[in-house]
Amino acid sequence: MTEYGFDTAEGRLYTVGEQEPQNVEPEYSEMPRDGVPEHFCRILLMTLAGFKELQGDYPHKRNLYRGMCPVQYCRLEMFSGCIQGTMKVPASGRGELHFHTFGFYFRENTLLLIEDGTLAKTLLGKIGRNVYGKTTPGQFLLLLFEALIEDDVIGLQQQEERLSAIEEGLLKKIPDNFYETVIRCRKQLAANHAYYGQLVNIGDQMQGDFLQKLTQEERMAWQLFSNRAERLHSHVGLLQEYLVQIRELYQSLIDVQQNKVMSILTVVTTIFLPLTLIAGWYGMNFPGMPEFAWQYGYPAVIGVSVGITVVEILFFRRKKMI
């Protein structure tokens, strides 16, 4: 378990647990290790096993533990004694879709972050690089959520560029593994779409605040967060529509390619159809056919066949069918 302290007076995050303190200021060096001052918010980063064995007065702790075995989606629950929830965050990238998960438990001036991965620690690192000024403990939870989507616009832009590259590649050559690529992109976009929708719901829940613990300023900040998550949600929706258009383009190109093949087969069949008629006609071998006794009959049939073929080729070329 690693302990952090968030100075709500300055809006600065410190490490006070197992690791050595970083960015230590004089007043911080005198901070007691068995607790944090009143103007500090206490943050504990721990594993799921550590959370299970955690001692102390943590109402509805078992409810959160059950929700993390395993984490199914992003959710937030508000109780009279605490705010808790779970996060299931799609990982960006071009490989197979996977998720980062963690849970959070907020009570008074203490925030527990429970994970067996590294996402929550990364988010704390982002928060620790900035100084936010006077910040309430409730606003620190908002800072955590804002850090969660801080760079997501860039990630969505990269996804859009990948889709654009797929579209441009289709116009040059139809790939053999197109549907594999599309299915992978579709899964990623569907996961992101659901994820941002869940973040919007969390923001709306915090604004509702039936416990009446948030200030008007905090509600407005959560409103801004909801608006930002809603824009990301809409952006993903546009990317999903773009992917559908790319699939339609692929199907159109396949249809065009098939039409070209059918057109060539039709032309070839039409060119050789008269020759088939000639071969069938003279293959009847009736005794009264005068061409059998004519010494120039064979060359004449060859000449007629070549002439018909040349005329048909010229005709189809004029019609731009070959």
Protein backbone atom coordinates (compact mmCIF):
# COMPACT_ATOMS: atom_id res chain seq x y z
CA MET A 1 0.00 0.00 0.00
CA THR A 2 1.23 3.48 -0.88
CA GLU A 3 -0.05 6.57 0.90
CA TYR A 4 -0.37 10.03 -0.62
CA GLY A 5 -1.32 13.33 0.87
CA PHE A 6 -3.16 16.04 -1.08
CA ASP A 7 -2.74 19.52 0.33
CA THR A 8 -6.17 21.07 -0.20
CA ALA A 9 -4.84 24.53 0.68
CA GLU A 10 -2.27 24.50 -2.14
CA GLY A 11 -3.68 21.83 -4.43
CA ARG A 12 -0.45 19.80 -4.39
CA LEU A 13 -0.04 16.03 -4.15
CA TYR A 14 2.71 14.43 -2.03
CA THR A 15 3.87 10.86 -1.56
CA VAL A 16 4.00 9.92 2.13
CA GLY A 17 3.86 6.13 2.10
CA GLU A 18 6.34 3.39 1.33
CA GLN A 19 8.16 5.47 -1.26
CA GLU A 20 10.48 8.34 -0.40
CA PRO A 21 8.77 11.75 -0.41
CA GLN A 22 9.07 13.69 -3.65
CA ASN A 23 9.05 17.48 -4.10
CA VAL A 24 9.31 17.84 -0.33
CA GLU A 25 8.83 21.34 1.07
CA PRO A 26 9.91 22.37 4.60
CA GLU A 27 6.44 22.17 6.13
CA TYR A 28 5.90 18.75 4.56
CA SER A 29 8.97 17.26 6.21
CA GLU A 30 7.34 17.78 9.61
CA MET A 31 4.13 16.00 8.63
CA PRO A 32 3.36 13.17 11.09
CA ARG A 33 3.61 9.71 9.50
CA ASP A 34 0.69 8.34 11.54
CA GLY A 35 -1.80 10.72 9.99
CA VAL A 36 -2.32 13.78 7.87
CA PRO A 37 -3.18 17.35 8.88
CA GLU A 38 -6.76 18.56 8.66
CA HIS A 39 -6.12 20.46 5.42
CA PHE A 40 -4.74 17.30 3.78
CA CYS A 41 -6.78 14.72 1.92
CA ARG A 42 -5.49 11.22 2.49
CA ILE A 43 -5.14 8.92 -0.56
CA LEU A 44 -4.34 5.23 -0.17
CA LEU A 45 -3.34 3.18 -3.22
CA MET A 46 -3.73 -0.54 -2.57
CA THR A 47 -4.34 -3.90 -4.19
CA LEU A 48 -7.68 -5.69 -4.13
CA ALA A 49 -6.28 -8.20 -1.63
CA GLY A 50 -5.10 -5.34 0.57
CA PHE A 51 -8.54 -3.72 0.40
CA LYS A 52 -10.16 -6.97 1.48
CA GLU A 53 -7.95 -7.14 4.56
CA LEU A 54 -8.24 -3.42 5.33
CA GLN A 55 -9.30 -2.71 8.90
CA GLY A 56 -11.27 0.30 10.03
CA ASP A 57 -14.67 1.93 9.71
CA TYR A 58 -15.46 1.76 6.01
CA PRO A 59 -19.24 1.48 5.50
CA HIS A 60 -20.42 -0.55 2.48
CA LYS A 61 -16.88 -1.81 1.93
CA ARG A 62 -18.14 -5.30 1.09
CA ASN A 63 -20.41 -3.89 -1.60
CA LEU A 64 -17.43 -2.38 -3.41
CA TYR A 65 -15.37 -5.55 -3.04
CA ARG A 66 -18.12 -7.63 -4.66
CA GLY A 67 -18.34 -5.13 -7.52
CA MET A 68 -14.63 -5.55 -8.22
CA CYS A 69 -14.72 -9.34 -8.60
CA PRO A 70 -14.52 -8.66 -11.47
CA VAL A 71 -15.21 -5.09 -12.59
CA GLN A 72 -17.98 -5.15 -15.19
CA TYR A 73 -18.43 -1.47 -16.08
CA CYS A 74 -17.98 2.09 -14.83
CA ARG A 75 -20.40 2.90 -12.04
CA LEU A 76 -20.78 5.19 -9.06
CA GLU A 77 -22.82 4.64 -5.91
CA MET A 78 -23.56 7.30 -3.32
CA PHE A 79 -24.32 6.23 0.24
CA SER A 80 -24.88 8.29 3.37
CA GLY A 81 -21.38 7.47 4.59
CA CYS A 82 -19.33 7.22 1.40
CA ILE A 83 -19.08 7.48 -2.37
CA GLN A 84 -17.73 4.41 -4.14
CA GLY A 85 -17.50 2.99 -7.62
CA THR A 86 -15.60 0.97 -10.16
CA MET A 87 -13.92 1.95 -13.42
CA LYS A 88 -13.39 -0.19 -16.51
CA VAL A 89 -11.30 1.82 -18.96
CA PRO A 90 -10.64 0.61 -22.53
CA ALA A 91 -6.94 0.60 -23.34
CA SER A 92 -5.99 2.47 -26.49
CA GLY A 93 -3.88 0.75 -29.12
CA ARG A 94 -3.99 -1.32 -32.29
CA GLY A 95 -3.79 -4.74 -30.67
CA GLU A 96 -6.50 -6.83 -29.07
CA LEU A 97 -8.98 -4.93 -26.93
CA HIS A 98 -8.27 -5.02 -23.19
CA PHE A 99 -9.27 -2.95 -20.17
CA HIS A 100 -7.70 -1.26 -17.16
CA THR A 101 -9.79 -1.53 -14.01
CA PHE A 102 -9.73 0.04 -10.58
CA GLY A 103 -12.11 0.92 -7.78
CA PHE A 104 -12.45 3.99 -5.60
CA TYR A 105 -13.88 4.62 -2.15
CA PHE A 106 -14.26 8.22 -0.91
CA ARG A 107 -15.22 9.17 2.60
CA GLU A 108 -14.76 12.58 4.24
CA ASN A 109 -11.07 13.39 3.58
CA THR A 110 -9.93 9.87 2.66
CA LEU A 111 -9.85 8.35 -0.82
CA LEU A 112 -9.02 4.68 -1.40
CA LEU A 113 -7.88 3.59 -4.85
CA ILE A 114 -7.95 -0.17 -5.38
CA GLU A 115 -6.26 -1.81 -8.35
CA ASP A 116 -4.00 -4.66 -9.36
CA GLY A 117 -2.71 -2.74 -12.37
CA THR A 118 -1.05 0.64 -12.88
CA LEU A 119 -3.76 3.01 -14.18
CA ALA A 120 -4.67 4.66 -10.86
CA LYS A 121 -0.98 5.18 -10.08
CA THR A 122 -0.52 6.79 -13.50
CA LEU A 123 -3.46 9.11 -12.85
CA LEU A 124 -1.97 10.17 -9.52
CA GLY A 125 1.27 10.87 -11.36
CA LYS A 126 -0.58 13.23 -13.73
CA ILE A 127 -2.22 15.02 -10.82
CA GLY A 128 1.09 15.24 -8.96
CA ARG A 129 2.73 17.17 -11.83
CA ASN A 130 0.39 20.13 -11.35
CA VAL A 131 -0.55 22.58 -8.62
CA TYR A 132 -4.27 23.38 -8.57
CA GLY A 133 -4.58 25.95 -5.81
CA LYS A 134 -7.20 25.70 -3.09
CA THR A 135 -9.07 22.44 -3.67
CA THR A 136 -11.65 20.59 -1.61
CA PRO A 137 -11.39 16.82 -1.01
CA GLY A 138 -14.45 16.37 -3.21
CA GLN A 139 -12.76 18.23 -6.05
CA PHE A 140 -9.79 15.85 -5.84
CA LEU A 141 -12.08 13.01 -6.94
CA LEU A 142 -13.06 15.19 -9.89
CA LEU A 143 -9.36 15.78 -10.67
CA LEU A 144 -8.94 12.00 -10.83
CA PHE A 145 -11.75 11.68 -13.38
CA GLU A 146 -10.47 14.61 -15.42
CA ALA A 147 -7.01 13.03 -15.55
CA LEU A 148 -8.73 9.89 -16.82
CA ILE A 149 -9.92 11.62 -20.02
CA GLU A 150 -7.21 14.29 -20.22
CA ASP A 151 -5.56 12.93 -23.39
CA ASP A 152 -8.52 11.07 -24.86
CA VAL A 153 -9.11 13.64 -27.59
CA ILE A 154 -5.64 12.84 -28.95
CA GLY A 155 -6.43 9.12 -28.79
CA LEU A 156 -9.67 9.60 -30.74
CA GLN A 157 -7.84 11.70 -33.32
CA GLN A 158 -5.34 8.88 -33.76
CA GLN A 159 -8.21 6.43 -34.23
CA GLU A 160 -9.70 8.72 -36.85
CA GLU A 161 -6.35 8.89 -38.65
CA ARG A 162 -6.15 5.08 -38.65
CA LEU A 163 -9.63 4.88 -40.17
CA SER A 164 -8.62 7.45 -42.77
CA ALA A 165 -5.53 5.38 -43.61
CA ILE A 166 -7.73 2.29 -44.03
CA GLU A 167 -9.99 4.23 -46.38
CA GLU A 168 -7.08 5.52 -48.46
CA GLY A 169 -5.58 2.03 -48.59
CA LEU A 170 -8.88 0.65 -49.93
CA LEU A 171 -8.71 3.01 -52.90
CA LYS A 172 -5.25 1.67 -53.79
CA LYS A 173 -5.72 -2.03 -53.10
CA ILE A 174 -8.36 -4.14 -51.43
CA PRO A 175 -6.62 -5.86 -48.47
CA ASP A 176 -7.09 -9.53 -47.69
CA ASN A 177 -7.58 -8.97 -43.94
CA PHE A 178 -10.01 -6.06 -44.21
CA TYR A 179 -12.76 -7.57 -42.05
CA GLU A 180 -10.29 -8.51 -39.31
CA THR A 181 -9.17 -4.88 -39.13
CA VAL A 182 -12.75 -3.58 -39.20
CA ILE A 183 -13.91 -5.94 -36.45
CA ARG A 184 -10.99 -4.89 -34.25
CA CYS A 185 -11.80 -1.18 -34.80
CA ARG A 186 -15.50 -1.79 -34.23
CA LYS A 187 -14.85 -3.47 -30.88
CA GLN A 188 -12.57 -0.62 -29.78
CA LEU A 189 -15.09 2.05 -30.78
CA ALA A 190 -18.00 0.18 -29.17
CA ALA A 191 -16.05 -0.12 -25.91
CA ASN A 192 -15.16 3.59 -25.99
CA HIS A 193 -18.75 4.57 -26.79
CA ALA A 194 -20.09 2.62 -23.81
CA TYR A 195 -17.27 3.92 -21.58
CA TYR A 196 -17.91 7.60 -22.27
CA GLY A 197 -21.64 7.08 -21.87
CA GLN A 198 -20.98 5.63 -18.42
CA LEU A 199 -18.77 8.61 -17.55
CA VAL A 200 -21.62 10.95 -18.50
CA ASN A 201 -23.89 9.02 -16.14
CA ILE A 202 -21.33 9.30 -13.33
CA GLY A 203 -21.06 13.06 -13.87
CA ASP A 204 -24.85 13.40 -13.80
CA GLN A 205 -25.02 11.37 -10.59
CA MET A 206 -22.48 13.64 -8.91
CA GLN A 207 -24.44 16.71 -9.97
CA GLY A 208 -27.62 15.19 -8.55
CA ASP A 209 -25.88 14.79 -5.16
CA PHE A 210 -28.93 13.72 -3.16
CA LEU A 211 -26.80 13.90 -0.02
CA GLN A 212 -26.30 17.66 -0.60
CA LYS A 213 -22.57 17.51 0.20
CA LEU A 214 -21.23 19.31 -2.88
CA THR A 215 -20.90 23.06 -3.20
CA GLN A 216 -22.33 24.93 -6.18
CA GLU A 217 -18.81 25.32 -7.54
CA GLU A 218 -18.22 21.56 -7.34
CA ARG A 219 -21.52 20.87 -9.13
CA MET A 220 -20.54 23.24 -11.93
CA ALA A 221 -17.16 21.50 -12.23
CA TRP A 222 -18.89 18.12 -12.53
CA GLN A 223 -21.19 19.66 -15.16
CA LEU A 224 -18.13 20.64 -17.20
CA PHE A 225 -16.80 17.11 -16.83
CA SER A 226 -20.12 15.66 -18.04
CA ASN A 227 -20.11 18.00 -21.02
CA ARG A 228 -16.58 16.96 -21.95
CA ALA A 229 -17.43 13.26 -21.62
CA GLU A 230 -20.54 13.86 -23.74
CA ARG A 231 -18.43 15.44 -26.49
CA LEU A 232 -16.09 12.46 -26.43
CA HIS A 233 -19.12 10.17 -26.56
CA SER A 234 -20.42 12.05 -29.63
CA HIS A 235 -16.97 11.94 -31.26
CA VAL A 236 -16.88 8.16 -30.91
CA GLY A 237 -20.37 8.01 -32.43
CA LEU A 238 -19.09 9.90 -35.48
CA LEU A 239 -16.15 7.50 -35.77
CA GLN A 240 -18.57 4.57 -35.68
CA GLU A 241 -20.52 6.11 -38.55
CA TYR A 242 -17.24 6.68 -40.41
CA LEU A 243 -16.37 3.00 -39.96
CA VAL A 244 -19.78 2.02 -41.40
CA GLN A 245 -19.07 4.22 -44.42
CA ILE A 246 -15.70 2.51 -44.89
CA ARG A 247 -17.39 -0.89 -44.82
CA GLU A 248 -19.89 0.32 -47.42
CA LEU A 249 -17.00 1.59 -49.55
CA TYR A 250 -15.32 -1.80 -49.28
CA GLN A 251 -18.51 -3.57 -50.33
CA SER A 252 -18.92 -1.15 -53.25
CA LEU A 253 -15.37 -1.83 -54.42
CA ILE A 254 -15.95 -5.57 -54.16
CA ASP A 255 -19.14 -5.19 -56.22
CA VAL A 256 -17.29 -3.14 -58.84
CA GLN A 257 -14.54 -5.76 -59.00
CA GLN A 258 -17.07 -8.56 -59.38
CA ASN A 259 -18.92 -6.60 -62.08
CA LYS A 260 -15.67 -6.21 -64.01
CA VAL A 261 -15.00 -9.93 -63.80
CA MET A 262 -18.54 -10.73 -64.94
CA SER A 263 -18.22 -8.22 -67.78
CA ILE A 264 -14.99 -9.83 -69.01
CA LEU A 265 -16.52 -13.30 -68.83
CA THR A 266 -19.57 -12.08 -70.74
CA VAL A 267 -17.43 -10.50 -73.47
CA VAL A 268 -15.26 -13.62 -73.81
CA THR A 269 -18.34 -15.83 -73.98
CA THR A 270 -19.93 -13.56 -76.61
CA ILE A 271 -16.76 -13.51 -78.74
CA PHE A 272 -16.50 -17.29 -78.89
CA LEU A 273 -20.22 -17.98 -79.20
CA PRO A 274 -20.23 -17.62 -83.07
CA LEU A 275 -17.20 -19.92 -83.23
CA THR A 276 -19.09 -22.47 -81.19
CA LEU A 277 -21.97 -22.18 -83.64
CA ILE A 278 -19.64 -22.75 -86.62
CA ALA A 279 -18.01 -25.76 -84.92
CA GLY A 280 -21.41 -27.22 -84.13
CA TRP A 281 -22.74 -26.52 -87.60
CA TYR A 282 -19.93 -28.25 -89.45
CA GLY A 283 -19.71 -30.98 -86.87
CA MET A 284 -23.01 -32.46 -88.10
CA ASN A 285 -21.13 -34.28 -90.95
CA PHE A 286 -24.11 -34.58 -93.31
CA PRO A 287 -23.07 -36.11 -96.69
CA GLY A 288 -24.72 -33.33 -98.71
CA MET A 289 -22.65 -30.50 -97.21
CA PRO A 290 -20.68 -29.06 -100.19
CA GLU A 291 -17.93 -27.55 -97.98
CA PHE A 292 -16.61 -31.05 -97.22
CA ALA A 293 -15.58 -31.60 -100.85
CA TRP A 294 -14.22 -28.08 -101.35
CA GLN A 295 -10.43 -27.96 -101.16
CA TYR A 296 -10.50 -24.47 -99.63
CA GLY A 297 -13.22 -25.25 -97.10
CA TYR A 298 -10.91 -25.56 -94.10
CA PRO A 299 -9.00 -22.28 -94.75
CA ALA A 300 -12.32 -20.58 -95.47
CA VAL A 301 -13.74 -21.58 -92.07
CA ILE A 302 -10.54 -20.36 -90.40
CA GLY A 303 -10.78 -17.02 -92.18
CA VAL A 304 -14.46 -16.59 -91.32
CA SER A 305 -13.76 -17.41 -87.66
CA VAL A 306 -10.86 -14.95 -87.46
CA GLY A 307 -12.89 -12.26 -89.20
CA ILE A 308 -15.85 -12.66 -86.85
CA THR A 309 -13.51 -12.55 -83.83
CA VAL A 310 -11.78 -9.35 -85.05
CA VAL A 311 -15.09 -7.62 -85.77
CA GLU A 312 -16.42 -8.49 -82.30
CA ILE A 313 -13.25 -7.30 -80.56
CA LEU A 314 -13.42 -3.97 -82.42
CA PHE A 315 -17.08 -3.63 -81.51
CA PHE A 316 -16.54 -4.25 -77.81
CA ARG A 317 -13.55 -1.91 -77.71
CA ARG A 318 -15.66 0.86 -79.25
CA LYS A 319 -18.26 0.24 -76.57
CA LYS A 320 -15.43 0.35 -73.97
CA MET A 321 -16.33 -3.07 -72.68
CA ILE A 322 -12.78 -4.39 -73.03
